[in-house]
Amino acid sequence: MFNSKKKVETVNTGMISTIIGDNSKVEGLLEASDPTRVDGLLQGKILSKSSVIVGEHGVVRGDINAAEILIAGTVYGNLKAEKRIELTETGRVLGDLITKTLVIDEGASFKGNCTMEVMEEKKASDGSHVEQDRETSSEDSEDKDDDRKGKK
């Protein structure tokens, strides 16, 4: 019933140019413009203009801010992705998520809050159709008042 063969669309990794190996430990701020993969321990913040992958044995203790994020390991921190966050079945996140697209595979673990950009919210925030709704509802109420007073 749930064994649908869906098209697997994962994070665009291109050529990974920064790799933190399985037995490596890094502390501090990591800034990258190309795809990055963490298979060891990173204590600090990751800022990337591209994608970030936390491998199955990778652990990040800090926030990640990138275009796309794929988590197969463990992250203790907040994730913010411009395009997409994906948690694989081995992925664990203790922190908040902010993204446009979120994919959580069966078996993944996530504890925190999630904020996703929704098109209706975006339209509402610019006020265009909200103002229009107000005008329509005030016209409707004026029409109802006129009907009650017998002016129509």
N, C-alpha and C. Protein backbone atom coordinates (compact mmCIF):
# COMPACT_ATOMS: atom_id res chain seq x y z
N MET A 1 0.81 -1.19 0.00
CA MET A 1 0.00 0.00 0.00
C MET A 1 0.86 1.26 0.00
N PHE A 2 1.90 1.28 0.86
CA PHE A 2 2.74 2.46 0.94
C PHE A 2 4.04 2.29 0.16
N ASN A 3 4.17 1.22 -0.55
CA ASN A 3 5.41 0.96 -1.27
C ASN A 3 5.37 1.56 -2.67
N SER A 4 5.10 2.85 -2.76
CA SER A 4 5.04 3.49 -4.06
C SER A 4 6.46 3.69 -4.58
N LYS A 5 6.60 3.50 -5.86
CA LYS A 5 7.92 3.72 -6.47
C LYS A 5 7.96 5.14 -6.98
N LYS A 6 8.34 6.04 -6.09
CA LYS A 6 8.36 7.45 -6.45
C LYS A 6 9.69 7.81 -7.11
N LYS A 7 9.66 8.85 -7.86
CA LYS A 7 10.87 9.37 -8.48
C LYS A 7 11.73 9.96 -7.38
N VAL A 8 12.95 9.48 -7.27
CA VAL A 8 13.84 9.96 -6.22
C VAL A 8 14.53 11.22 -6.71
N GLU A 9 14.26 12.31 -6.02
CA GLU A 9 14.84 13.60 -6.37
C GLU A 9 15.61 14.07 -5.15
N THR A 10 16.92 14.02 -5.22
CA THR A 10 17.71 14.39 -4.06
C THR A 10 18.39 15.72 -4.28
N VAL A 11 19.11 16.13 -3.27
CA VAL A 11 19.82 17.40 -3.30
C VAL A 11 20.87 17.39 -4.42
N ASN A 12 20.96 18.47 -5.14
CA ASN A 12 21.94 18.62 -6.21
C ASN A 12 23.32 18.79 -5.60
N THR A 13 24.18 17.79 -5.77
CA THR A 13 25.50 17.84 -5.13
C THR A 13 26.60 18.29 -6.07
N GLY A 14 26.44 18.09 -7.37
CA GLY A 14 27.50 18.45 -8.29
C GLY A 14 28.79 17.79 -7.87
N MET A 15 29.90 18.47 -8.00
CA MET A 15 31.19 17.97 -7.53
C MET A 15 31.40 18.45 -6.10
N ILE A 16 31.52 17.53 -5.16
CA ILE A 16 31.75 17.90 -3.77
C ILE A 16 33.20 18.34 -3.64
N SER A 17 33.41 19.58 -3.25
CA SER A 17 34.77 20.10 -3.18
C SER A 17 35.29 20.21 -1.75
N THR A 18 34.41 20.12 -0.75
CA THR A 18 34.86 20.16 0.64
C THR A 18 34.33 18.92 1.34
N ILE A 19 35.24 18.12 1.87
CA ILE A 19 34.85 16.90 2.57
C ILE A 19 35.53 16.88 3.94
N ILE A 20 34.72 16.68 4.97
CA ILE A 20 35.26 16.46 6.32
C ILE A 20 35.14 14.96 6.56
N GLY A 21 36.27 14.29 6.56
CA GLY A 21 36.33 12.83 6.59
C GLY A 21 35.78 12.19 7.85
N ASP A 22 35.59 10.88 7.77
CA ASP A 22 34.97 10.07 8.81
C ASP A 22 35.64 10.22 10.18
N ASN A 23 36.95 10.27 10.23
CA ASN A 23 37.66 10.36 11.52
C ASN A 23 38.17 11.77 11.81
N SER A 24 37.55 12.76 11.19
CA SER A 24 37.99 14.15 11.36
C SER A 24 37.09 14.90 12.33
N LYS A 25 37.69 15.90 12.99
CA LYS A 25 36.94 16.78 13.90
C LYS A 25 37.33 18.21 13.57
N VAL A 26 36.30 19.04 13.32
CA VAL A 26 36.53 20.43 12.97
C VAL A 26 35.73 21.30 13.91
N GLU A 27 36.36 22.38 14.40
CA GLU A 27 35.65 23.33 15.26
C GLU A 27 35.73 24.71 14.62
N GLY A 28 34.59 25.43 14.63
CA GLY A 28 34.57 26.79 14.11
C GLY A 28 33.56 26.97 13.01
N LEU A 29 33.73 28.05 12.25
CA LEU A 29 32.83 28.41 11.17
C LEU A 29 33.35 27.85 9.85
N LEU A 30 32.48 27.15 9.13
CA LEU A 30 32.83 26.64 7.81
C LEU A 30 32.03 27.42 6.78
N GLU A 31 32.72 28.17 5.91
CA GLU A 31 32.07 28.91 4.83
C GLU A 31 32.47 28.26 3.52
N ALA A 32 31.47 27.95 2.68
CA ALA A 32 31.75 27.28 1.41
C ALA A 32 30.86 27.83 0.32
N SER A 33 31.37 27.83 -0.90
CA SER A 33 30.56 28.25 -2.04
C SER A 33 30.23 27.06 -2.94
N ASP A 34 30.90 25.93 -2.71
CA ASP A 34 30.67 24.71 -3.48
C ASP A 34 30.08 23.64 -2.56
N PRO A 35 29.56 22.54 -3.12
CA PRO A 35 28.98 21.48 -2.29
C PRO A 35 29.96 20.96 -1.24
N THR A 36 29.42 20.69 -0.04
CA THR A 36 30.21 20.27 1.11
C THR A 36 29.61 19.01 1.70
N ARG A 37 30.48 18.09 2.15
CA ARG A 37 30.02 16.86 2.80
C ARG A 37 30.73 16.71 4.13
N VAL A 38 29.94 16.37 5.17
CA VAL A 38 30.48 16.16 6.51
C VAL A 38 30.26 14.69 6.87
N ASP A 39 31.36 13.95 7.03
CA ASP A 39 31.28 12.56 7.48
C ASP A 39 31.88 12.41 8.87
N GLY A 40 32.53 13.43 9.36
CA GLY A 40 33.12 13.41 10.69
C GLY A 40 32.30 14.27 11.64
N LEU A 41 32.99 14.94 12.57
CA LEU A 41 32.34 15.81 13.56
C LEU A 41 32.68 17.26 13.25
N LEU A 42 31.66 18.10 13.16
CA LEU A 42 31.86 19.53 12.98
C LEU A 42 31.13 20.24 14.11
N GLN A 43 31.89 20.97 14.92
CA GLN A 43 31.30 21.76 16.00
C GLN A 43 31.43 23.21 15.60
N GLY A 44 30.31 23.79 15.21
CA GLY A 44 30.30 25.17 14.74
C GLY A 44 29.20 25.36 13.73
N LYS A 45 29.33 26.40 12.94
CA LYS A 45 28.28 26.78 12.00
C LYS A 45 28.76 26.53 10.58
N ILE A 46 27.81 26.13 9.70
CA ILE A 46 28.12 25.95 8.28
C ILE A 46 27.31 26.97 7.49
N LEU A 47 28.00 27.76 6.68
CA LEU A 47 27.36 28.71 5.76
C LEU A 47 27.79 28.32 4.36
N SER A 48 26.82 27.96 3.51
CA SER A 48 27.15 27.52 2.16
C SER A 48 26.23 28.15 1.14
N LYS A 49 26.79 28.53 0.01
CA LYS A 49 25.99 29.06 -1.09
C LYS A 49 25.49 27.92 -1.97
N SER A 50 25.90 26.71 -1.66
CA SER A 50 25.53 25.54 -2.43
C SER A 50 24.86 24.52 -1.51
N SER A 51 25.14 23.24 -1.72
CA SER A 51 24.50 22.19 -0.92
C SER A 51 25.44 21.69 0.18
N VAL A 52 24.81 21.19 1.25
CA VAL A 52 25.54 20.59 2.37
C VAL A 52 24.95 19.21 2.60
N ILE A 53 25.84 18.21 2.70
CA ILE A 53 25.43 16.85 2.98
C ILE A 53 26.08 16.43 4.28
N VAL A 54 25.26 15.91 5.20
CA VAL A 54 25.79 15.31 6.42
C VAL A 54 25.62 13.81 6.23
N GLY A 55 26.74 13.09 6.06
CA GLY A 55 26.72 11.66 5.80
C GLY A 55 26.22 10.86 7.00
N GLU A 56 25.99 9.56 6.81
CA GLU A 56 25.43 8.70 7.85
C GLU A 56 26.20 8.75 9.17
N HIS A 57 27.51 8.88 9.10
CA HIS A 57 28.32 8.92 10.32
C HIS A 57 28.67 10.35 10.71
N GLY A 58 28.20 11.31 9.95
CA GLY A 58 28.51 12.71 10.22
C GLY A 58 27.67 13.27 11.36
N VAL A 59 28.29 14.17 12.15
CA VAL A 59 27.61 14.85 13.25
C VAL A 59 27.96 16.33 13.17
N VAL A 60 26.92 17.16 13.18
CA VAL A 60 27.13 18.61 13.21
C VAL A 60 26.49 19.13 14.47
N ARG A 61 27.27 19.85 15.28
CA ARG A 61 26.76 20.50 16.49
C ARG A 61 26.81 22.00 16.23
N GLY A 62 25.77 22.48 15.54
CA GLY A 62 25.69 23.89 15.17
C GLY A 62 24.70 24.07 14.04
N ASP A 63 24.46 25.30 13.66
CA ASP A 63 23.47 25.62 12.63
C ASP A 63 24.05 25.43 11.23
N ILE A 64 23.16 25.11 10.29
CA ILE A 64 23.54 24.99 8.88
C ILE A 64 22.65 25.92 8.07
N ASN A 65 23.27 26.76 7.25
CA ASN A 65 22.57 27.67 6.37
C ASN A 65 23.11 27.44 4.96
N ALA A 66 22.25 26.94 4.05
CA ALA A 66 22.72 26.59 2.71
C ALA A 66 21.58 26.70 1.70
N ALA A 67 21.91 26.50 0.43
CA ALA A 67 20.89 26.48 -0.61
C ALA A 67 20.06 25.20 -0.49
N GLU A 68 20.74 24.06 -0.31
CA GLU A 68 20.09 22.77 -0.15
C GLU A 68 20.83 21.98 0.92
N ILE A 69 20.08 21.19 1.69
CA ILE A 69 20.68 20.42 2.79
C ILE A 69 20.13 19.00 2.75
N LEU A 70 21.04 18.01 2.84
CA LEU A 70 20.65 16.62 2.94
C LEU A 70 21.26 16.05 4.22
N ILE A 71 20.42 15.48 5.07
CA ILE A 71 20.88 14.95 6.35
C ILE A 71 20.69 13.44 6.38
N ALA A 72 21.80 12.70 6.46
CA ALA A 72 21.76 11.25 6.64
C ALA A 72 22.36 10.90 8.00
N GLY A 73 23.02 11.88 8.63
CA GLY A 73 23.63 11.70 9.95
C GLY A 73 22.83 12.44 11.00
N THR A 74 23.55 13.12 11.92
CA THR A 74 22.90 13.79 13.05
C THR A 74 23.29 15.26 13.10
N VAL A 75 22.28 16.10 13.33
CA VAL A 75 22.52 17.53 13.48
C VAL A 75 21.85 18.02 14.75
N TYR A 76 22.64 18.69 15.60
CA TYR A 76 22.12 19.35 16.80
C TYR A 76 22.20 20.84 16.52
N GLY A 77 21.17 21.37 15.87
CA GLY A 77 21.17 22.78 15.50
C GLY A 77 20.07 23.05 14.50
N ASN A 78 19.92 24.30 14.13
CA ASN A 78 18.87 24.73 13.22
C ASN A 78 19.35 24.65 11.77
N LEU A 79 18.41 24.29 10.88
CA LEU A 79 18.71 24.21 9.45
C LEU A 79 17.90 25.26 8.70
N LYS A 80 18.56 25.98 7.81
CA LYS A 80 17.87 26.94 6.96
C LYS A 80 18.37 26.74 5.54
N ALA A 81 17.42 26.37 4.65
CA ALA A 81 17.78 26.13 3.25
C ALA A 81 16.90 26.98 2.35
N GLU A 82 17.51 27.63 1.38
CA GLU A 82 16.76 28.46 0.44
C GLU A 82 15.80 27.61 -0.40
N LYS A 83 16.23 26.41 -0.78
CA LYS A 83 15.43 25.58 -1.68
C LYS A 83 14.83 24.36 -1.01
N ARG A 84 15.66 23.52 -0.36
CA ARG A 84 15.20 22.19 0.03
C ARG A 84 16.00 21.62 1.20
N ILE A 85 15.27 20.93 2.09
CA ILE A 85 15.90 20.14 3.15
C ILE A 85 15.38 18.72 2.99
N GLU A 86 16.29 17.75 3.04
CA GLU A 86 15.90 16.34 2.96
C GLU A 86 16.53 15.58 4.11
N LEU A 87 15.69 14.83 4.84
CA LEU A 87 16.16 13.95 5.90
C LEU A 87 15.99 12.51 5.42
N THR A 88 17.08 11.78 5.31
CA THR A 88 16.99 10.39 4.87
C THR A 88 16.55 9.52 6.05
N GLU A 89 16.35 8.24 5.80
CA GLU A 89 15.87 7.34 6.85
C GLU A 89 16.82 7.25 8.04
N THR A 90 18.10 7.57 7.85
CA THR A 90 19.06 7.54 8.96
C THR A 90 19.30 8.92 9.55
N GLY A 91 18.66 9.94 8.99
CA GLY A 91 18.87 11.32 9.43
C GLY A 91 18.21 11.63 10.76
N ARG A 92 18.89 12.43 11.58
CA ARG A 92 18.38 12.86 12.88
C ARG A 92 18.66 14.36 13.02
N VAL A 93 17.61 15.12 13.35
CA VAL A 93 17.77 16.57 13.55
C VAL A 93 17.09 16.97 14.84
N LEU A 94 17.84 17.65 15.70
CA LEU A 94 17.28 18.27 16.90
C LEU A 94 17.46 19.76 16.74
N GLY A 95 16.45 20.41 16.17
CA GLY A 95 16.52 21.84 15.89
C GLY A 95 15.41 22.23 14.95
N ASP A 96 15.33 23.50 14.63
CA ASP A 96 14.27 24.02 13.78
C ASP A 96 14.67 23.99 12.31
N LEU A 97 13.67 23.86 11.44
CA LEU A 97 13.89 23.82 10.00
C LEU A 97 13.17 24.98 9.33
N ILE A 98 13.84 25.65 8.41
CA ILE A 98 13.22 26.70 7.59
C ILE A 98 13.60 26.41 6.15
N THR A 99 12.59 26.23 5.28
CA THR A 99 12.86 25.90 3.89
C THR A 99 11.61 26.08 3.04
N LYS A 100 11.76 25.96 1.73
CA LYS A 100 10.61 25.98 0.82
C LYS A 100 10.08 24.57 0.62
N THR A 101 10.99 23.58 0.51
CA THR A 101 10.61 22.20 0.27
C THR A 101 11.24 21.31 1.33
N LEU A 102 10.43 20.41 1.90
CA LEU A 102 10.91 19.51 2.95
C LEU A 102 10.56 18.08 2.58
N VAL A 103 11.56 17.19 2.66
CA VAL A 103 11.36 15.77 2.42
C VAL A 103 11.88 15.03 3.64
N ILE A 104 11.00 14.24 4.27
CA ILE A 104 11.40 13.44 5.42
C ILE A 104 11.09 11.98 5.10
N ASP A 105 12.13 11.17 4.96
CA ASP A 105 11.94 9.75 4.66
C ASP A 105 11.45 9.00 5.90
N GLU A 106 10.77 7.89 5.66
CA GLU A 106 10.31 7.04 6.75
C GLU A 106 11.53 6.57 7.54
N GLY A 107 11.46 6.70 8.85
CA GLY A 107 12.57 6.30 9.71
C GLY A 107 13.41 7.48 10.18
N ALA A 108 13.31 8.61 9.51
CA ALA A 108 14.05 9.80 9.92
C ALA A 108 13.49 10.33 11.23
N SER A 109 14.29 11.12 11.95
CA SER A 109 13.86 11.66 13.23
C SER A 109 14.08 13.17 13.23
N PHE A 110 13.06 13.90 13.68
CA PHE A 110 13.15 15.36 13.70
C PHE A 110 12.42 15.87 14.93
N LYS A 111 13.10 16.67 15.73
CA LYS A 111 12.47 17.28 16.90
C LYS A 111 12.75 18.78 16.85
N GLY A 112 11.68 19.55 16.65
CA GLY A 112 11.83 20.99 16.54
C GLY A 112 10.63 21.56 15.81
N ASN A 113 10.77 22.77 15.35
CA ASN A 113 9.71 23.44 14.60
C ASN A 113 10.10 23.52 13.13
N CYS A 114 9.10 23.58 12.28
CA CYS A 114 9.36 23.70 10.85
C CYS A 114 8.57 24.86 10.29
N THR A 115 9.22 25.69 9.51
CA THR A 115 8.56 26.80 8.82
C THR A 115 8.83 26.63 7.34
N MET A 116 7.73 26.58 6.56
CA MET A 116 7.86 26.45 5.11
C MET A 116 7.18 27.64 4.45
N GLU A 117 7.78 28.15 3.40
CA GLU A 117 7.19 29.26 2.67
C GLU A 117 6.04 28.71 1.83
N VAL A 118 4.86 29.29 2.02
CA VAL A 118 3.66 28.86 1.30
C VAL A 118 3.23 30.01 0.40
N MET A 119 2.82 29.70 -0.81
CA MET A 119 2.45 30.73 -1.78
C MET A 119 1.31 31.62 -1.27
N GLU A 120 0.30 31.04 -0.61
CA GLU A 120 -0.82 31.83 -0.10
C GLU A 120 -0.34 32.83 0.95
N GLU A 121 0.60 32.38 1.80
CA GLU A 121 1.15 33.27 2.82
C GLU A 121 1.89 34.42 2.17
N LYS A 122 2.65 34.09 1.13
CA LYS A 122 3.43 35.12 0.45
C LYS A 122 2.50 36.18 -0.14
N LYS A 123 1.40 35.74 -0.76
CA LYS A 123 0.43 36.67 -1.32
C LYS A 123 -0.22 37.49 -0.22
N ALA A 124 -0.54 36.84 0.89
CA ALA A 124 -1.19 37.53 2.01
C ALA A 124 -0.25 38.58 2.60
N SER A 125 1.05 38.26 2.64
CA SER A 125 1.98 39.20 3.25
C SER A 125 2.15 40.46 2.42
N ASP A 126 1.93 40.38 1.09
CA ASP A 126 2.05 41.61 0.31
C ASP A 126 0.78 42.46 0.40
N GLY A 127 -0.30 41.89 0.98
CA GLY A 127 -1.50 42.66 1.27
C GLY A 127 -2.43 42.89 0.10
N SER A 128 -2.07 42.44 -1.09
CA SER A 128 -2.89 42.75 -2.26
C SER A 128 -4.28 42.15 -2.19
N HIS A 129 -4.39 40.83 -1.97
CA HIS A 129 -5.72 40.25 -1.97
C HIS A 129 -6.42 40.43 -0.63
N VAL A 130 -5.67 40.70 0.42
CA VAL A 130 -6.29 40.96 1.72
C VAL A 130 -7.06 42.27 1.65
N GLU A 131 -6.46 43.29 1.05
CA GLU A 131 -7.12 44.59 0.90
C GLU A 131 -8.34 44.44 0.01
N GLN A 132 -8.21 43.65 -1.05
CA GLN A 132 -9.33 43.42 -1.96
C GLN A 132 -10.48 42.72 -1.23
N ASP A 133 -10.16 41.74 -0.38
CA ASP A 133 -11.18 41.04 0.40
C ASP A 133 -11.91 42.01 1.33
N ARG A 134 -11.18 42.95 1.92
CA ARG A 134 -11.81 43.93 2.81
C ARG A 134 -12.81 44.80 2.06
N GLU A 135 -12.39 45.24 0.83
CA GLU A 135 -13.28 46.08 0.03
C GLU A 135 -14.53 45.31 -0.34
N THR A 136 -14.39 44.06 -0.75
CA THR A 136 -15.52 43.23 -1.14
C THR A 136 -16.46 43.02 0.04
N SER A 137 -15.91 42.72 1.21
CA SER A 137 -16.77 42.46 2.36
C SER A 137 -17.47 43.74 2.82
N SER A 138 -16.83 44.90 2.69
CA SER A 138 -17.51 46.14 3.10
C SER A 138 -18.61 46.49 2.11
N GLU A 139 -18.39 46.21 0.80
CA GLU A 139 -19.44 46.45 -0.19
C GLU A 139 -20.63 45.53 0.07
N ASP A 140 -20.34 44.26 0.39
CA ASP A 140 -21.40 43.29 0.69
C ASP A 140 -22.22 43.74 1.89
N SER A 141 -21.55 44.24 2.92
CA SER A 141 -22.29 44.65 4.12
C SER A 141 -23.13 45.90 3.84
N GLU A 142 -22.64 46.81 2.96
CA GLU A 142 -23.42 47.98 2.58
C GLU A 142 -24.67 47.56 1.81
N ASP A 143 -24.51 46.58 0.90
CA ASP A 143 -25.65 46.07 0.14
C ASP A 143 -26.69 45.45 1.06
N LYS A 144 -26.24 44.69 2.05
CA LYS A 144 -27.16 44.06 3.00
C LYS A 144 -27.90 45.11 3.82
N ASP A 145 -27.19 46.17 4.22
CA ASP A 145 -27.82 47.26 4.97
C ASP A 145 -28.90 47.93 4.12
N ASP A 146 -28.58 48.18 2.82
CA ASP A 146 -29.54 48.79 1.91
C ASP A 146 -30.77 47.90 1.73
N ASP A 147 -30.53 46.56 1.62
CA ASP A 147 -31.65 45.61 1.46
C ASP A 147 -32.56 45.65 2.68
N ARG A 148 -31.97 45.71 3.86
CA ARG A 148 -32.76 45.73 5.09
C ARG A 148 -33.60 47.01 5.19
N LYS A 149 -33.06 48.10 4.70
CA LYS A 149 -33.76 49.38 4.79
C LYS A 149 -34.73 49.57 3.64
N GLY A 150 -34.71 48.62 2.68
CA GLY A 150 -35.64 48.69 1.56
C GLY A 150 -35.22 49.67 0.50
N LYS A 151 -33.96 50.03 0.42
CA LYS A 151 -33.50 51.01 -0.55
C LYS A 151 -33.20 50.39 -1.91
N LYS A 152 -33.20 49.10 -2.04
CA LYS A 152 -32.89 48.49 -3.33
C LYS A 152 -34.11 48.02 -4.02
